[in-house]
Amino acid sequence: MENRALMSLLRPTPGEKRTKSGNGFLKMLKLFPMLTSGCKMVALLGRPRRPLLTDNATTGTIFGYRKGRVSLTIQENPHCAPMFVIELPMLTSAFHKEMDSDIVRIALESESRTHRKKVMEEFVWAIYCNGRKAGYSIRRKQMSAEEMYVMQILRGVSMGAGVLPSPSEKQASFDGELTYMRARFERVVGSKDSEALHMINPDGAQGPELSIFFVRAH
């Protein structure tokens, strides 16, 4: 079955490198430009030495408070409204730990049987991370105020990772720092029922391998 084939794809094979120590999020801080709490202007970030954009590349942003849930947005480019927004059923701290493995595969599986929508237009998703089911999420029709804030502050950033100034000091003191990672992803359309996003590391640098799969199961 296609579903089982997907799950086998999501599980790292024995030969794939998994790191027991270190920190995947810290690796991303070294790999990408970093925006700290107002110390650098957003407009100065995200300018690679050579263009990374391709016709099938999109912008993906993963962000959230360290003690809260992590959100995922997908845009055609950093200046347009997201075409896909979802809060994943996993904590930001848990996502950072998954990044320690150097290979992170997130799968969103829809059980819808209609084919009138594109696969990324589905609303209800089962979420898997490295082969383990995390739960269910519903794609947002509209962004929350916090998600709009993050998209606005990162409007001039094509890639980066770090800590953003929180819109609420009270929430920051309760949920911890607001972290983010933004990167360019190669978009691969497998069929009308499957798409995949594969992170493009800047200038071919070595870093964590992150892929996001969208599948409509039958």
Protein backbone atom coordinates (compact mmCIF):
# COMPACT_ATOMS: atom_id res chain seq x y z
CA MET A 1 0.00 0.00 0.00
CA GLU A 2 1.07 3.57 -0.70
CA ASN A 3 0.67 4.43 2.99
CA ARG A 4 3.12 1.73 4.09
CA ALA A 5 5.55 2.73 1.37
CA LEU A 6 5.46 6.28 2.71
CA MET A 7 6.15 5.18 6.26
CA SER A 8 9.14 3.11 5.15
CA LEU A 9 10.43 6.12 3.29
CA LEU A 10 10.13 8.29 6.40
CA ARG A 11 12.17 5.97 8.62
CA PRO A 12 15.94 6.59 8.36
CA THR A 13 17.71 3.53 7.05
CA PRO A 14 20.44 1.86 9.16
CA GLY A 15 23.11 3.35 6.92
CA GLU A 16 21.93 6.91 7.39
CA LYS A 17 23.91 9.00 9.83
CA ARG A 18 22.25 9.76 13.16
CA THR A 19 24.02 11.93 15.71
CA LYS A 20 23.63 11.06 19.39
CA SER A 21 25.15 14.28 20.64
CA GLY A 22 25.18 17.89 19.47
CA ASN A 23 22.22 20.06 18.62
CA GLY A 24 20.50 20.22 15.25
CA PHE A 25 19.03 23.66 15.90
CA LEU A 26 22.46 25.03 16.79
CA LYS A 27 23.74 23.60 13.51
CA MET A 28 21.05 25.58 11.71
CA LEU A 29 22.19 28.75 13.51
CA LYS A 30 25.67 28.20 12.09
CA LEU A 31 24.36 27.29 8.65
CA PHE A 32 21.97 30.21 8.14
CA PRO A 33 22.11 33.94 8.88
CA MET A 34 20.64 34.70 12.31
CA LEU A 35 18.17 37.36 13.40
CA THR A 36 18.46 38.10 17.11
CA SER A 37 16.27 40.35 19.22
CA GLY A 38 16.49 43.49 17.11
CA CYS A 39 20.29 43.63 16.86
CA LYS A 40 20.30 43.26 13.08
CA MET A 41 18.02 44.71 10.43
CA VAL A 42 15.87 42.14 8.69
CA ALA A 43 16.61 43.72 5.31
CA LEU A 44 20.29 42.77 5.66
CA LEU A 45 19.53 39.06 6.01
CA GLY A 46 18.89 36.33 3.52
CA ARG A 47 21.22 37.45 0.73
CA PRO A 48 23.14 34.40 -0.48
CA ARG A 49 26.33 34.82 -2.52
CA ARG A 50 24.63 33.31 -5.53
CA PRO A 51 20.93 32.85 -6.31
CA LEU A 52 19.34 29.75 -4.83
CA LEU A 53 15.91 30.33 -6.31
CA THR A 54 14.61 27.93 -8.90
CA ASP A 55 11.26 27.62 -10.65
CA ASN A 56 10.19 24.86 -8.27
CA ALA A 57 11.58 26.34 -5.03
CA THR A 58 9.40 27.63 -2.21
CA THR A 59 9.99 29.21 1.20
CA GLY A 60 9.30 27.17 4.32
CA THR A 61 9.30 28.56 7.87
CA ILE A 62 9.16 26.52 11.07
CA PHE A 63 8.70 28.54 14.25
CA GLY A 64 7.31 28.49 17.75
CA TYR A 65 7.93 29.18 21.42
CA ARG A 66 10.31 26.63 22.93
CA LYS A 67 7.65 25.36 25.35
CA GLY A 68 4.81 25.68 22.84
CA ARG A 69 3.80 23.97 19.62
CA VAL A 70 5.70 24.42 16.40
CA SER A 71 4.06 25.95 13.31
CA LEU A 72 4.81 25.46 9.63
CA THR A 73 4.16 27.97 6.84
CA ILE A 74 4.87 27.60 3.13
CA GLN A 75 5.13 30.54 0.73
CA GLU A 76 5.95 30.97 -2.92
CA ASN A 77 8.42 33.64 -1.74
CA PRO A 78 8.99 35.58 1.51
CA HIS A 79 7.02 38.58 0.26
CA CYS A 80 3.69 36.86 -0.45
CA ALA A 81 1.03 35.47 1.86
CA PRO A 82 1.52 31.81 2.89
CA MET A 83 -0.32 29.25 0.80
CA PHE A 84 -0.15 26.70 3.63
CA VAL A 85 -0.26 27.33 7.40
CA ILE A 86 -0.56 24.67 10.07
CA GLU A 87 0.28 24.19 13.75
CA LEU A 88 1.88 20.78 14.15
CA PRO A 89 0.97 18.51 17.11
CA MET A 90 4.49 18.59 18.51
CA LEU A 91 6.41 20.91 20.78
CA THR A 92 9.10 23.18 19.39
CA SER A 93 11.59 21.63 21.82
CA ALA A 94 10.72 18.16 20.45
CA PHE A 95 11.33 19.37 16.89
CA HIS A 96 14.74 20.71 17.92
CA LYS A 97 15.60 17.29 19.36
CA GLU A 98 14.57 15.62 16.10
CA MET A 99 17.00 17.93 14.31
CA ASP A 100 19.78 16.26 16.32
CA SER A 101 19.38 13.19 14.11
CA ASP A 102 20.59 15.18 11.04
CA ILE A 103 17.75 13.60 9.05
CA VAL A 104 14.22 14.87 9.69
CA ARG A 105 11.25 13.69 7.66
CA ILE A 106 7.88 15.19 8.39
CA ALA A 107 4.84 13.67 6.67
CA LEU A 108 1.36 15.14 6.45
CA GLU A 109 -1.19 12.55 5.35
CA SER A 110 -4.75 13.33 4.32
CA GLU A 111 -7.40 10.64 4.24
CA SER A 112 -9.68 12.64 1.95
CA ARG A 113 -11.01 10.69 -1.02
CA THR A 114 -11.83 13.69 -3.18
CA HIS A 115 -9.56 14.72 -6.02
CA ARG A 116 -11.13 18.09 -6.69
CA LYS A 117 -8.49 19.81 -4.56
CA LYS A 118 -4.76 19.93 -4.90
CA VAL A 119 -3.14 17.82 -2.21
CA MET A 120 -1.87 20.84 -0.24
CA GLU A 121 -5.38 22.32 -0.21
CA GLU A 122 -6.66 19.58 2.10
CA PHE A 123 -7.52 20.61 5.67
CA VAL A 124 -7.29 17.60 8.02
CA TRP A 125 -3.89 15.94 8.33
CA ALA A 126 -2.29 13.12 10.27
CA ILE A 127 1.24 14.20 11.17
CA TYR A 128 4.28 11.90 11.30
CA CYS A 129 7.85 12.78 12.25
CA ASN A 130 10.62 10.32 11.38
CA GLY A 131 8.08 7.52 11.12
CA ARG A 132 6.30 8.23 14.43
CA LYS A 133 2.75 9.52 14.49
CA ALA A 134 2.52 12.84 16.34
CA GLY A 135 -1.23 13.39 16.04
CA TYR A 136 -3.66 15.34 13.88
CA SER A 137 -3.79 18.97 12.77
CA ILE A 138 -6.07 21.18 10.70
CA ARG A 139 -4.67 23.58 8.12
CA ARG A 140 -5.58 27.15 8.97
CA LYS A 141 -7.80 29.16 6.63
CA GLN A 142 -6.47 32.34 8.23
CA MET A 143 -3.29 33.05 10.14
CA SER A 144 -3.40 33.83 13.84
CA ALA A 145 -2.17 37.21 15.07
CA GLU A 146 1.08 35.60 16.20
CA GLU A 147 1.64 33.90 12.84
CA MET A 148 0.99 37.19 11.05
CA TYR A 149 3.55 38.85 13.32
CA VAL A 150 6.21 36.26 12.46
CA MET A 151 5.51 36.51 8.71
CA GLN A 152 5.75 40.30 8.87
CA ILE A 153 9.00 40.43 10.83
CA LEU A 154 10.57 37.86 8.48
CA ARG A 155 9.26 39.51 5.31
CA GLY A 156 12.75 40.49 4.15
CA VAL A 157 14.39 37.16 5.10
CA SER A 158 14.85 34.42 2.50
CA MET A 159 16.75 32.13 4.86
CA GLY A 160 17.77 32.27 8.50
CA ALA A 161 17.52 30.72 11.93
CA GLY A 162 17.52 32.13 15.42
CA VAL A 163 15.39 33.87 18.03
CA LEU A 164 12.76 36.51 17.31
CA PRO A 165 11.63 39.28 19.65
CA SER A 166 8.37 38.13 21.20
CA PRO A 167 5.24 40.24 20.68
CA SER A 168 4.30 39.54 24.30
CA GLU A 169 6.77 39.64 27.18
CA LYS A 170 4.27 37.77 29.36
CA GLN A 171 3.97 34.89 26.89
CA ALA A 172 7.73 34.81 26.36
CA SER A 173 8.31 34.48 30.10
CA PHE A 174 5.82 31.59 30.21
CA ASP A 175 6.61 29.75 26.95
CA GLY A 176 10.28 30.63 26.46
CA GLU A 177 12.01 32.13 23.43
CA LEU A 178 10.30 32.42 20.05
CA THR A 179 12.60 30.51 17.69
CA TYR A 180 12.42 30.21 13.93
CA MET A 181 14.07 28.52 10.98
CA ARG A 182 13.44 29.67 7.41
CA ALA A 183 14.87 28.01 4.32
CA ARG A 184 14.32 27.46 0.63
CA PHE A 185 12.84 24.11 -0.33
CA GLU A 186 12.89 22.30 -3.62
CA ARG A 187 9.29 21.41 -4.44
CA VAL A 188 8.73 18.05 -6.12
CA VAL A 189 5.28 17.03 -7.39
CA GLY A 190 5.06 13.25 -7.46
CA SER A 191 1.42 12.98 -8.53
CA LYS A 192 -1.94 14.65 -7.91
CA ASP A 193 -1.88 12.95 -4.49
CA SER A 194 1.69 13.61 -3.38
CA GLU A 195 4.18 16.44 -3.12
CA ALA A 196 7.49 16.80 -1.30
CA LEU A 197 9.65 19.69 -0.11
CA HIS A 198 13.40 19.14 0.31
CA MET A 199 15.44 21.79 2.12
CA ILE A 200 18.16 23.50 0.11
CA ASN A 201 21.24 24.19 2.22
CA PRO A 202 22.98 27.50 1.32
CA ASP A 203 25.94 27.24 -1.05
CA GLY A 204 25.90 23.46 -0.76
CA ALA A 205 26.88 23.62 2.92
CA GLN A 206 26.55 20.45 4.98
CA GLY A 207 23.72 20.55 7.48
CA PRO A 208 20.64 18.72 8.74
CA GLU A 209 18.55 17.10 6.02
CA LEU A 210 14.91 18.16 6.25
CA SER A 211 12.11 16.92 4.00
CA ILE A 212 8.35 17.51 4.25
CA PHE A 213 5.91 15.17 2.49
CA PHE A 214 2.25 15.79 1.64
CA VAL A 215 0.30 12.65 0.78
CA ARG A 216 -3.35 11.94 0.11
CA ALA A 217 -3.93 8.34 1.12
CA HIS A 218 -6.37 6.01 -0.65
